[in-house]
Amino acid sequence: MNLKDLYINFFVSKGHKWIPSAPVVPENDPSVLFNTAGMQPLIPYLTGQPHPYGTRLCDYQKCIRTNDLDSIGDKTHHTFFEMLGNWSLGDYFKEESINYSFEFLTKVLNIPVDRLAVTVFEGDKDIPRDEVSANVWKSLGIKEDRIAYLDASNNFWIAGTSGPCGGDTEIFYFRSNDEIPEKFDPEDDRWVEIWNNVFMQYYKDESGKVTELPKKNVDTGMGLERVAAVLEGVDDNYMSSVWKDVIELIEKISNLPYQGNEESMRIIADHIRTAVFISADPAGIKPSNTDQGYILRRLIRRAIRHAKKLNIDINSDWEQQIANLIMDKYEKYYNEIQENRDIVLEVLKTEKTKFNRTLEKGLREFEKITANLDGKLNKDLAFKLYDTYGFPIELTVELAKELNIEVDVIGFKEKFKAHQELSRTASSGKFKGGLAGNSEIETRYHTATHLLNAALKVIVSKDVHQKGSNITDERMRFDFSCDHKLTDEEKQKTEDLVNEWIKEGLPVIKEEMKKEDAIKSGAECMFIEKYPDIVTVYSIGNVSKELCGGPHVSNTSELGHFKIKKEEASSAGVRRIKAVLE
């Protein structure tokens, strides 16, 4: 049985409700481009909002992290990964949580107790040492020498600088054929972390004062790819059952062995899988030069470059073969893979065709650049070939060598590193996980998206549907299905209608009901599969009715004046409106 099934079945048997995975593109969370952790979609419930499914939850969540893209190609890093998680929202706490984790690892996965070790929070001036967790572990047979007490930099969780927080306990597995040491050393790389249980026991305010929470939560996370590799006794994740068939297919397509070509094969496997999940997502992301579309484009192009390194015929259907195998593996678990298979294949094929043209232009540019060179290609020209035409430095060196031209590789790497630092600094806000703002102005913008959606249905077409949104405290961005550029008249009428509804002071009513009843009642929903059986429906007068997680104002009169600033194309068949509340 698949690890996901074992996990869900176990926690359902312990009274947890299985909740569906949220999409990889988060709804109305401007702090990240993608869901980067299993707990991210649950933040509203971990901070007090009641969950429709109750107080015990479990799931497997699709996650994407691209802030360490340069690490992909090693044995353990992935851009897309699945996170197994279980939660207690004010229900059970440390003892039960640790017992569940221990039982699952030792009784369901049959991991010998002797291969396990744990870390717990050693405490600080505000919070005592976590002897409760340590004593539970001891009672389960974890020896004292296998328990390490670590400081806040290792075993303490808080989102940002204030809010709910608490110590955690991390579970380690000894992944080596060496004799298992009696004493656990967390710095010893043979011990691999496989599970983390976070205990949200305290609240830290803006001044740094720490108080105990009346309602305590548990948030756990276990990376499926890492645990699969551990259980199967491989130290290379790409040799586990999660990846083995994909790597074998790449070997067959390239007619090369994995050994000696590991980096390129891992990058192709990883990047095509992530591209599949981004382009299958209900948000309708297409390759572009901004935000999620930029990441999608970068992943596909990087996979193509490494396919070229393996001498794969780029004009063959190599990427379709790999994507189809990946979709076959995941469609049982994620409906959108099944529903959007054709879209995924089209995205990959179209981007491949575009990039091939770019590479051809780059080759022509390379010929121009090198025609008048006297034996040396400087760092600026090498970087131009990389930045403008997507030439990896290896390709530039290879082509230059044929012409007996030396490339300033060291200078290129320095320039590349400076570019990386700049990119990382510029995108740090985009990639950081944690709480979205939900400030008063963001709440107003969130409500305004509902009015805009309703107005577009009246003015433009009843077939308009929301495809995504992004809200900050300065503006709202709204993507919607539409086959044409809005006329000035359509924009003005849409803006006027939203303002008319704001002036009418329409009440915003919140109701909870069964999902099927909500759909029957005419409520609109952006990602229907994301919602549980019991859903929250927000109605704004008689003009809008949507399934939504909030937050909202109580009356439209609180919104202020609505102004459309820009209307533009987002991707094929999707338009984008940027608007402000004045």
Foldseek 3Di string as FASTA:
>chain_A
DAPQVLLVVLQVVVVADEAAADAQQDFAFQQARGAAFRCQVVVVLLQPDAAPRGFKYWYKYWHAACLVVVPQLAQDDFRIFIKTKIKGWLDDFQLVVVVSVVCCVCPVLVADLLQKAKEKACDDPQGHGPVVNVVSVVVVPHDPLRYHHDHCVPFKDDFPDWFFIFGKMWMWGQQDPDDRDPHDDPVPVSTHTFKMKGKRFWTQDPVRHIDGDPRIMIMMIGISLVVQCSSVRHPGSCCGPLHVVLLVLLCVQLVHHCVPLRRLSSLLLRLLLVLLSLCLTLLNAAQDCDRPNVSSLVSLLSNLVSSVVSVGPLPDLSSLVSNVVSLVVPCVRDVSSVVCVVRSSVRSVVSSVVLVVLLVVLVVVLCVQPVPDDQEDELVNLVCSCPRRVDDSVNSCVVCVVVNHYYPVVSNVVVVVVVSVVVCVVCVSHRRGGDRDPDPLQQLQVQLLQLLQLLCCVLPHVPKDWSHKYTDSFWIKTKIFDQDFDDPVSQVSSQVSSQVQLVVFWFKDKDKDALVVLVVVVADESDSSNGDRIFIWIDGHPRHIYTDPDDHDGTSPPNARKAWDDWAPNDRRMIMTMIGHD
